C-alpha atoms as a PDB file:
ATOM      1  CA  UNK A   1     -73.370  11.660 -21.596  1.00  0.00           C
ATOM      2  CA  UNK A   2     -72.088  15.203 -21.116  1.00  0.00           C
ATOM      3  CA  UNK A   3     -75.305  17.182 -20.937  1.00  0.00           C
ATOM      4  CA  UNK A   4     -75.263  20.216 -18.632  1.00  0.00           C
ATOM      5  CA  UNK A   5     -77.855  22.320 -16.903  1.00  0.00           C
ATOM      6  CA  UNK A   6     -78.338  25.953 -17.696  1.00  0.00           C
ATOM      7  CA  UNK A   7     -76.245  26.799 -14.623  1.00  0.00           C
ATOM      8  CA  UNK A   8     -73.280  24.952 -16.123  1.00  0.00           C
ATOM      9  CA  UNK A   9     -73.519  21.937 -13.795  1.00  0.00           C
ATOM     10  CA  UNK A  10     -73.540  18.395 -15.229  1.00  0.00           C
ATOM     11  CA  UNK A  11     -77.058  17.000 -15.389  1.00  0.00           C
ATOM     12  CA  UNK A  12     -77.666  14.117 -13.038  1.00  0.00           C
ATOM     13  CA  UNK A  13     -78.081  10.669 -14.579  1.00  0.00           C
ATOM     14  CA  UNK A  14     -81.787  10.474 -13.759  1.00  0.00           C
ATOM     15  CA  UNK A  15     -82.278  13.890 -15.441  1.00  0.00           C
ATOM     16  CA  UNK A  16     -80.511  12.665 -18.565  1.00  0.00           C
ATOM     17  CA  UNK A  17     -82.714   9.561 -18.666  1.00  0.00           C
ATOM     18  CA  UNK A  18     -85.815  11.712 -18.121  1.00  0.00           C
ATOM     19  CA  UNK A  19     -84.682  13.926 -21.017  1.00  0.00           C
ATOM     20  CA  UNK A  20     -84.425  10.884 -23.289  1.00  0.00           C
ATOM     21  CA  UNK A  21     -87.965   9.821 -22.400  1.00  0.00           C
ATOM     22  CA  UNK A  22     -89.195  13.381 -23.009  1.00  0.00           C
ATOM     23  CA  UNK A  23     -87.577  13.274 -26.464  1.00  0.00           C
ATOM     24  CA  UNK A  24     -89.385  10.003 -27.209  1.00  0.00           C
ATOM     25  CA  UNK A  25     -92.670  11.612 -26.143  1.00  0.00           C
ATOM     26  CA  UNK A  26     -91.994  14.697 -28.270  1.00  0.00           C
ATOM     27  CA  UNK A  27     -91.063  12.550 -31.282  1.00  0.00           C
ATOM     28  CA  UNK A  28     -94.365  10.676 -31.052  1.00  0.00           C
ATOM     29  CA  UNK A  29     -92.953   7.379 -29.808  1.00  0.00           C
ATOM     30  CA  UNK A  30     -95.040   7.753 -26.663  1.00  0.00           C
ATOM     31  CA  UNK A  31     -97.924  10.147 -27.451  1.00  0.00           C
ATOM     32  CA  UNK A  32    -100.040  11.846 -24.789  1.00  0.00           C
ATOM     33  CA  UNK A  33    -102.445   9.349 -23.224  1.00  0.00           C
ATOM     34  CA  UNK A  34    -100.365   6.312 -24.122  1.00  0.00           C
ATOM     35  CA  UNK A  35     -98.911   3.861 -21.629  1.00  0.00           C
ATOM     36  CA  UNK A  36     -95.156   3.477 -21.348  1.00  0.00           C
ATOM     37  CA  UNK A  37     -93.607   0.015 -21.607  1.00  0.00           C
ATOM     38  CA  UNK A  38     -93.130  -1.916 -18.361  1.00  0.00           C
ATOM     39  CA  UNK A  39     -90.197  -0.718 -16.289  1.00  0.00           C
ATOM     40  CA  UNK A  40     -88.019  -3.742 -17.068  1.00  0.00           C
ATOM     41  CA  UNK A  41     -88.654  -3.435 -20.818  1.00  0.00           C
ATOM     42  CA  UNK A  42     -88.106   0.324 -20.882  1.00  0.00           C
ATOM     43  CA  UNK A  43     -84.822  -0.024 -18.992  1.00  0.00           C
ATOM     44  CA  UNK A  44     -83.626  -2.529 -21.587  1.00  0.00           C
ATOM     45  CA  UNK A  45     -84.679  -0.248 -24.455  1.00  0.00           C
ATOM     46  CA  UNK A  46     -82.796   2.699 -23.004  1.00  0.00           C
ATOM     47  CA  UNK A  47     -79.803   0.654 -21.845  1.00  0.00           C
ATOM     48  CA  UNK A  48     -80.014   1.905 -18.255  1.00  0.00           C
ATOM     49  CA  UNK A  49     -80.426   0.304 -14.838  1.00  0.00           C
ATOM     50  CA  UNK A  50     -83.894  -0.058 -13.376  1.00  0.00           C
ATOM     51  CA  UNK A  51     -83.038   1.969 -10.244  1.00  0.00           C
ATOM     52  CA  UNK A  52     -81.858   4.913 -12.374  1.00  0.00           C
ATOM     53  CA  UNK A  53     -84.904   4.589 -14.639  1.00  0.00           C
ATOM     54  CA  UNK A  54     -87.153   4.557 -11.591  1.00  0.00           C
ATOM     55  CA  UNK A  55     -85.663   7.851 -10.416  1.00  0.00           C
ATOM     56  CA  UNK A  56     -86.233   9.324 -13.891  1.00  0.00           C
ATOM     57  CA  UNK A  57     -89.874   8.192 -13.941  1.00  0.00           C
ATOM     58  CA  UNK A  58     -90.523   9.748 -10.533  1.00  0.00           C
ATOM     59  CA  UNK A  59     -88.894  12.971 -11.780  1.00  0.00           C
ATOM     60  CA  UNK A  60     -91.172  12.935 -14.845  1.00  0.00           C
ATOM     61  CA  UNK A  61     -94.187  12.413 -12.598  1.00  0.00           C
ATOM     62  CA  UNK A  62     -93.189  15.404 -10.440  1.00  0.00           C
ATOM     63  CA  UNK A  63     -92.767  17.494 -13.612  1.00  0.00           C
ATOM     64  CA  UNK A  64     -96.214  16.425 -14.806  1.00  0.00           C
ATOM     65  CA  UNK A  65     -95.065  14.574 -17.948  1.00  0.00           C
ATOM     66  CA  UNK A  66     -96.358  11.182 -16.808  1.00  0.00           C
ATOM     67  CA  UNK A  67     -98.878   9.790 -14.356  1.00  0.00           C
ATOM     68  CA  UNK A  68     -98.098   6.641 -12.381  1.00  0.00           C
ATOM     69  CA  UNK A  69    -101.324   4.727 -11.820  1.00  0.00           C
ATOM     70  CA  UNK A  70    -101.167   2.022  -9.182  1.00  0.00           C
ATOM     71  CA  UNK A  71    -101.776  -1.430 -10.595  1.00  0.00           C
ATOM     72  CA  UNK A  72    -102.052  -0.148 -14.149  1.00  0.00           C
ATOM     73  CA  UNK A  73     -98.847   1.456 -15.385  1.00  0.00           C
ATOM     74  CA  UNK A  74     -97.272   4.738 -16.369  1.00  0.00           C
ATOM     75  CA  UNK A  75     -99.151   7.028 -18.744  1.00  0.00           C
ATOM     76  CA  UNK A  76     -98.024  10.056 -20.725  1.00  0.00           C
ATOM     77  CA  UNK A  77    -100.072  13.052 -19.617  1.00  0.00           C
ATOM     78  CA  UNK A  78     -98.649  16.119 -21.384  1.00  0.00           C
ATOM     79  CA  UNK A  79     -96.303  16.975 -24.198  1.00  0.00           C
ATOM     80  CA  UNK A  80     -92.808  17.914 -22.874  1.00  0.00           C
ATOM     81  CA  UNK A  81     -93.087  21.503 -24.118  1.00  0.00           C
ATOM     82  CA  UNK A  82     -96.092  22.042 -21.858  1.00  0.00           C
ATOM     83  CA  UNK A  83     -93.878  21.494 -18.822  1.00  0.00           C
ATOM     84  CA  UNK A  84     -90.641  22.898 -20.204  1.00  0.00           C
ATOM     85  CA  UNK A  85     -90.407  25.554 -17.492  1.00  0.00           C
ATOM     86  CA  UNK A  86     -90.209  22.881 -14.821  1.00  0.00           C
ATOM     87  CA  UNK A  87     -87.182  21.117 -16.283  1.00  0.00           C
ATOM     88  CA  UNK A  88     -84.700  23.536 -14.749  1.00  0.00           C
ATOM     89  CA  UNK A  89     -86.125  23.199 -11.245  1.00  0.00           C
ATOM     90  CA  UNK A  90     -83.978  21.159  -8.872  1.00  0.00           C
ATOM     91  CA  UNK A  91     -85.903  18.290  -7.313  1.00  0.00           C
ATOM     92  CA  UNK A  92     -82.969  16.791  -5.434  1.00  0.00           C
ATOM     93  CA  UNK A  93     -79.951  14.574  -5.699  1.00  0.00           C
ATOM     94  CA  UNK A  94     -80.190  10.992  -6.919  1.00  0.00           C
ATOM     95  CA  UNK A  95     -81.404   8.829  -3.998  1.00  0.00           C
ATOM     96  CA  UNK A  96     -79.269   5.990  -5.354  1.00  0.00           C
ATOM     97  CA  UNK A  97     -76.136   8.149  -5.270  1.00  0.00           C
ATOM     98  CA  UNK A  98     -77.028   9.495  -1.817  1.00  0.00           C
ATOM     99  CA  UNK A  99     -77.189   5.972  -0.414  1.00  0.00           C
ATOM    100  CA  UNK A 100     -73.907   5.062  -2.087  1.00  0.00           C
ATOM    101  CA  UNK A 101     -72.275   8.140  -0.530  1.00  0.00           C
ATOM    102  CA  UNK A 102     -73.685   7.291   2.888  1.00  0.00           C
ATOM    103  CA  UNK A 103     -72.282   3.783   2.648  1.00  0.00           C
ATOM    104  CA  UNK A 104     -68.789   5.121   2.013  1.00  0.00           C
ATOM    105  CA  UNK A 105     -68.894   7.834   4.691  1.00  0.00           C
ATOM    106  CA  UNK A 106     -70.938   6.258   7.468  1.00  0.00           C
ATOM    107  CA  UNK A 107     -69.337   2.864   6.931  1.00  0.00           C
ATOM    108  CA  UNK A 108     -66.017   4.477   7.867  1.00  0.00           C
ATOM    109  CA  UNK A 109     -67.301   6.807  10.595  1.00  0.00           C
ATOM    110  CA  UNK A 110     -68.936   4.024  12.595  1.00  0.00           C
ATOM    111  CA  UNK A 111     -65.543   2.330  12.991  1.00  0.00           C
ATOM    112  CA  UNK A 112     -64.069   5.522  14.436  1.00  0.00           C
ATOM    113  CA  UNK A 113     -67.115   6.020  16.635  1.00  0.00           C
ATOM    114  CA  UNK A 114     -66.770   2.519  18.021  1.00  0.00           C
ATOM    115  CA  UNK A 115     -63.461   3.391  19.677  1.00  0.00           C
ATOM    116  CA  UNK A 116     -64.704   6.760  20.997  1.00  0.00           C
ATOM    117  CA  UNK A 117     -68.259   5.869  22.007  1.00  0.00           C
ATOM    118  CA  UNK A 118     -69.136   7.164  25.468  1.00  0.00           C
ATOM    119  CA  UNK A 119     -71.563   5.602  27.879  1.00  0.00           C
ATOM    120  CA  UNK A 120     -73.915   8.558  27.480  1.00  0.00           C
ATOM    121  CA  UNK A 121     -73.888   8.158  23.687  1.00  0.00           C
ATOM    122  CA  UNK A 122     -74.674   4.450  23.955  1.00  0.00           C
ATOM    123  CA  UNK A 123     -77.540   5.250  26.308  1.00  0.00           C
ATOM    124  CA  UNK A 124     -78.832   7.822  23.820  1.00  0.00           C
ATOM    125  CA  UNK A 125     -78.690   5.261  20.999  1.00  0.00           C
ATOM    126  CA  UNK A 126     -80.547   2.717  23.148  1.00  0.00           C
ATOM    127  CA  UNK A 127     -83.267   5.237  23.982  1.00  0.00           C
ATOM    128  CA  UNK A 128     -83.562   6.197  20.323  1.00  0.00           C
ATOM    129  CA  UNK A 129     -84.002   2.581  19.268  1.00  0.00           C
ATOM    130  CA  UNK A 130     -86.636   2.022  21.962  1.00  0.00           C
ATOM    131  CA  UNK A 131     -88.513   5.106  20.751  1.00  0.00           C
ATOM    132  CA  UNK A 132     -88.268   3.868  17.156  1.00  0.00           C
ATOM    133  CA  UNK A 133     -89.742   0.534  18.180  1.00  0.00           C
ATOM    134  CA  UNK A 134     -92.639   2.269  19.927  1.00  0.00           C
ATOM    135  CA  UNK A 135     -93.337   4.508  16.919  1.00  0.00           C
ATOM    136  CA  UNK A 136     -93.237   1.623  14.474  1.00  0.00           C
ATOM    137  CA  UNK A 137     -95.533  -0.425  16.739  1.00  0.00           C
ATOM    138  CA  UNK A 138     -97.985   2.469  16.717  1.00  0.00           C
ATOM    139  CA  UNK A 139     -97.731   2.707  12.903  1.00  0.00           C
ATOM    140  CA  UNK A 140     -96.008   6.097  13.087  1.00  0.00           C
ATOM    141  CA  UNK A 141     -93.053   7.175  10.957  1.00  0.00           C
ATOM    142  CA  UNK A 142     -89.699   7.089  12.723  1.00  0.00           C
ATOM    143  CA  UNK A 143     -87.632   9.164  10.323  1.00  0.00           C
ATOM    144  CA  UNK A 144     -86.539  11.805  12.854  1.00  0.00           C
ATOM    145  CA  UNK A 145     -85.426   9.073  15.260  1.00  0.00           C
ATOM    146  CA  UNK A 146     -83.632   7.353  12.398  1.00  0.00           C
ATOM    147  CA  UNK A 147     -81.817  10.637  11.703  1.00  0.00           C
ATOM    148  CA  UNK A 148     -80.919  11.015  15.381  1.00  0.00           C
ATOM    149  CA  UNK A 149     -79.458   7.489  15.527  1.00  0.00           C
ATOM    150  CA  UNK A 150     -77.134   8.094  12.596  1.00  0.00           C
ATOM    151  CA  UNK A 151     -76.087  11.563  13.746  1.00  0.00           C
ATOM    152  CA  UNK A 152     -75.181  10.394  17.251  1.00  0.00           C
ATOM    153  CA  UNK A 153     -72.839   7.831  15.714  1.00  0.00           C
ATOM    154  CA  UNK A 154     -71.342  10.388  13.323  1.00  0.00           C
ATOM    155  CA  UNK A 155     -70.770  12.865  16.157  1.00  0.00           C
ATOM    156  CA  UNK A 156     -68.942  10.224  18.204  1.00  0.00           C
ATOM    157  CA  UNK A 157     -66.400   9.829  15.384  1.00  0.00           C
ATOM    158  CA  UNK A 158     -65.110  13.278  16.343  1.00  0.00           C
ATOM    159  CA  UNK A 159     -65.046  14.981  12.935  1.00  0.00           C
ATOM    160  CA  UNK A 160     -67.456  17.912  12.674  1.00  0.00           C
ATOM    161  CA  UNK A 161     -67.021  18.262   8.899  1.00  0.00           C
ATOM    162  CA  UNK A 162     -68.002  14.648   8.245  1.00  0.00           C
ATOM    163  CA  UNK A 163     -70.855  14.929  10.736  1.00  0.00           C
ATOM    164  CA  UNK A 164     -72.202  17.858   8.723  1.00  0.00           C
ATOM    165  CA  UNK A 165     -71.909  15.808   5.526  1.00  0.00           C
ATOM    166  CA  UNK A 166     -73.871  12.956   7.117  1.00  0.00           C
ATOM    167  CA  UNK A 167     -76.550  15.432   8.248  1.00  0.00           C
ATOM    168  CA  UNK A 168     -76.833  16.987   4.793  1.00  0.00           C
ATOM    169  CA  UNK A 169     -77.046  13.617   3.054  1.00  0.00           C
ATOM    170  CA  UNK A 170     -79.714  12.415   5.453  1.00  0.00           C
ATOM    171  CA  UNK A 171     -81.730  15.604   5.080  1.00  0.00           C
ATOM    172  CA  UNK A 172     -81.861  15.062   1.302  1.00  0.00           C
ATOM    173  CA  UNK A 173     -84.665  12.656   2.179  1.00  0.00           C
ATOM    174  CA  UNK A 174     -86.898  15.747   2.277  1.00  0.00           C
ATOM    175  CA  UNK A 175     -86.203  16.686  -1.365  1.00  0.00           C
ATOM    176  CA  UNK A 176     -89.143  16.324  -3.795  1.00  0.00           C
ATOM    177  CA  UNK A 177     -87.559  13.355  -5.589  1.00  0.00           C
ATOM    178  CA  UNK A 178     -86.652  11.365  -2.485  1.00  0.00           C
ATOM    179  CA  UNK A 179     -89.907  12.241  -0.711  1.00  0.00           C
ATOM    180  CA  UNK A 180     -91.888  10.918  -3.662  1.00  0.00           C
ATOM    181  CA  UNK A 181     -89.893   7.687  -3.697  1.00  0.00           C
ATOM    182  CA  UNK A 182     -90.276   7.297   0.066  1.00  0.00           C
ATOM    183  CA  UNK A 183     -94.037   7.690  -0.214  1.00  0.00           C
ATOM    184  CA  UNK A 184     -94.153   4.762  -2.646  1.00  0.00           C
ATOM    185  CA  UNK A 185     -91.682   2.370  -1.057  1.00  0.00           C
ATOM    186  CA  UNK A 186     -91.663   2.995   2.709  1.00  0.00           C
ATOM    187  CA  UNK A 187     -94.162   1.101   4.839  1.00  0.00           C
ATOM    188  CA  UNK A 188     -94.394  -0.594   8.220  1.00  0.00           C
ATOM    189  CA  UNK A 189     -92.518  -3.660   6.966  1.00  0.00           C
ATOM    190  CA  UNK A 190     -89.557  -1.622   5.696  1.00  0.00           C
ATOM    191  CA  UNK A 191     -89.360   0.204   9.030  1.00  0.00           C
ATOM    192  CA  UNK A 192     -89.350  -3.093  10.938  1.00  0.00           C
ATOM    193  CA  UNK A 193     -86.444  -4.258   8.788  1.00  0.00           C
ATOM    194  CA  UNK A 194     -84.579  -0.984   9.290  1.00  0.00           C
ATOM    195  CA  UNK A 195     -85.011  -1.222  13.068  1.00  0.00           C
ATOM    196  CA  UNK A 196     -83.550  -4.740  13.135  1.00  0.00           C
ATOM    197  CA  UNK A 197     -80.546  -3.481  11.171  1.00  0.00           C
ATOM    198  CA  UNK A 198     -80.092  -0.561  13.585  1.00  0.00           C
ATOM    199  CA  UNK A 199     -80.099  -3.049  16.443  1.00  0.00           C
ATOM    200  CA  UNK A 200     -77.237  -4.924  14.759  1.00  0.00           C
ATOM    201  CA  UNK A 201     -75.229  -1.700  14.499  1.00  0.00           C
ATOM    202  CA  UNK A 202     -75.920  -0.930  18.149  1.00  0.00           C
ATOM    203  CA  UNK A 203     -74.877  -4.430  19.254  1.00  0.00           C
ATOM    204  CA  UNK A 204     -71.551  -4.043  17.439  1.00  0.00           C
ATOM    205  CA  UNK A 205     -70.961  -0.657  19.058  1.00  0.00           C
ATOM    206  CA  UNK A 206     -71.838  -2.058  22.481  1.00  0.00           C
ATOM    207  CA  UNK A 207     -69.328  -4.875  21.876  1.00  0.00           C
ATOM    208  CA  UNK A 208     -66.712  -2.281  20.820  1.00  0.00           C
ATOM    209  CA  UNK A 209     -66.030  -4.258  17.644  1.00  0.00           C
ATOM    210  CA  UNK A 210     -65.171  -1.722  14.877  1.00  0.00           C
ATOM    211  CA  UNK A 211     -65.051  -4.267  12.053  1.00  0.00           C
ATOM    212  CA  UNK A 212     -68.422  -5.698  13.024  1.00  0.00           C
ATOM    213  CA  UNK A 213     -69.828  -2.169  13.342  1.00  0.00           C
ATOM    214  CA  UNK A 214     -68.583  -1.258   9.853  1.00  0.00           C
ATOM    215  CA  UNK A 215     -70.081  -4.433   8.402  1.00  0.00           C
ATOM    216  CA  UNK A 216     -73.413  -3.838  10.157  1.00  0.00           C
ATOM    217  CA  UNK A 217     -73.646  -0.200   9.015  1.00  0.00           C
ATOM    218  CA  UNK A 218     -72.682  -1.007   5.434  1.00  0.00           C
ATOM    219  CA  UNK A 219     -75.200  -3.853   5.334  1.00  0.00           C
ATOM    220  CA  UNK A 220     -77.942  -1.609   6.734  1.00  0.00           C
ATOM    221  CA  UNK A 221     -77.379   1.136   4.159  1.00  0.00           C
ATOM    222  CA  UNK A 222     -77.112  -1.373   1.305  1.00  0.00           C
ATOM    223  CA  UNK A 223     -80.407  -2.962   2.313  1.00  0.00           C
ATOM    224  CA  UNK A 224     -81.984   0.480   2.654  1.00  0.00           C
ATOM    225  CA  UNK A 225     -80.898   1.286  -0.885  1.00  0.00           C
ATOM    226  CA  UNK A 226     -82.360  -1.958  -2.153  1.00  0.00           C
ATOM    227  CA  UNK A 227     -85.662  -1.352  -0.390  1.00  0.00           C
ATOM    228  CA  UNK A 228     -85.951   2.039  -2.096  1.00  0.00           C
ATOM    229  CA  UNK A 229     -84.494   1.367  -5.515  1.00  0.00           C
ATOM    230  CA  UNK A 230     -84.410  -2.371  -6.269  1.00  0.00           C
ATOM    231  CA  UNK A 231     -87.548  -3.836  -4.725  1.00  0.00           C
ATOM    232  CA  UNK A 232     -90.832  -3.988  -6.541  1.00  0.00           C
ATOM    233  CA  UNK A 233     -93.154  -1.065  -5.756  1.00  0.00           C
ATOM    234  CA  UNK A 234     -96.192  -1.607  -3.582  1.00  0.00           C
ATOM    235  CA  UNK A 235     -99.330  -2.326  -5.598  1.00  0.00           C
ATOM    236  CA  UNK A 236     -97.155  -2.470  -8.738  1.00  0.00           C
ATOM    237  CA  UNK A 237     -97.291   1.322  -9.014  1.00  0.00           C
ATOM    238  CA  UNK A 238     -94.297   1.572 -11.330  1.00  0.00           C
ATOM    239  CA  UNK A 239     -94.887  -1.682 -13.163  1.00  0.00           C
ATOM    240  CA  UNK A 240     -97.434  -2.581 -15.849  1.00  0.00           C
ATOM    241  CA  UNK A 241     -99.347  -5.713 -15.000  1.00  0.00           C
ATOM    242  CA  UNK A 242     -99.396  -8.410 -17.662  1.00  0.00           C
ATOM    243  CA  UNK A 243    -103.193  -8.558 -17.466  1.00  0.00           C
ATOM    244  CA  UNK A 244    -103.729  -4.784 -17.485  1.00  0.00           C
END
């Protein structure tokens, strides 16, 4: 696919998939009010991965072309032309690609940080993890503490440019697309899992084992990606039930 935006930039994969679904709606394949096929079936029809399709469906929901009804399925709400003005609005980078980028960058940075980690930085990481545990136990979001944990590690690697990249990638979590996905897939259980993975990264840093630290960070970010993009949604919000 070589489609471009009006600004001359290549359209992201999820945008291209969303465009294809819009074309099917416009051509009458999925008329207004109809229910789209189940996610697995639609991915097979379009020849795309389910994570990329999921991003496209969330983008279509933000644009107002579809409505995702928990426990029922995904329904066409408006003809594409009705929302044409919204198609050029940026709603964020692909969460899947963001996590892949973080794996590459942070997986390398943590090895460098391991050799440079100061006692003060380790104490800061320990305090951050303790605060995360308290927040999660009180059923409060721990995203800012999560951000702090990763940035402390990046800063210890000693490269300000890469630290800025890590910060920018993390802050993409506030984009409309990623925020919508987070609202559907993050819960207390996912935060408990993330905390356990952070503890593994911390233990490797405390042991000054760069290879173990790299493995722990890469594993954490891979599992985070799977929780967002591969796992089944809560309450089947993106999936059509067989008895619906």
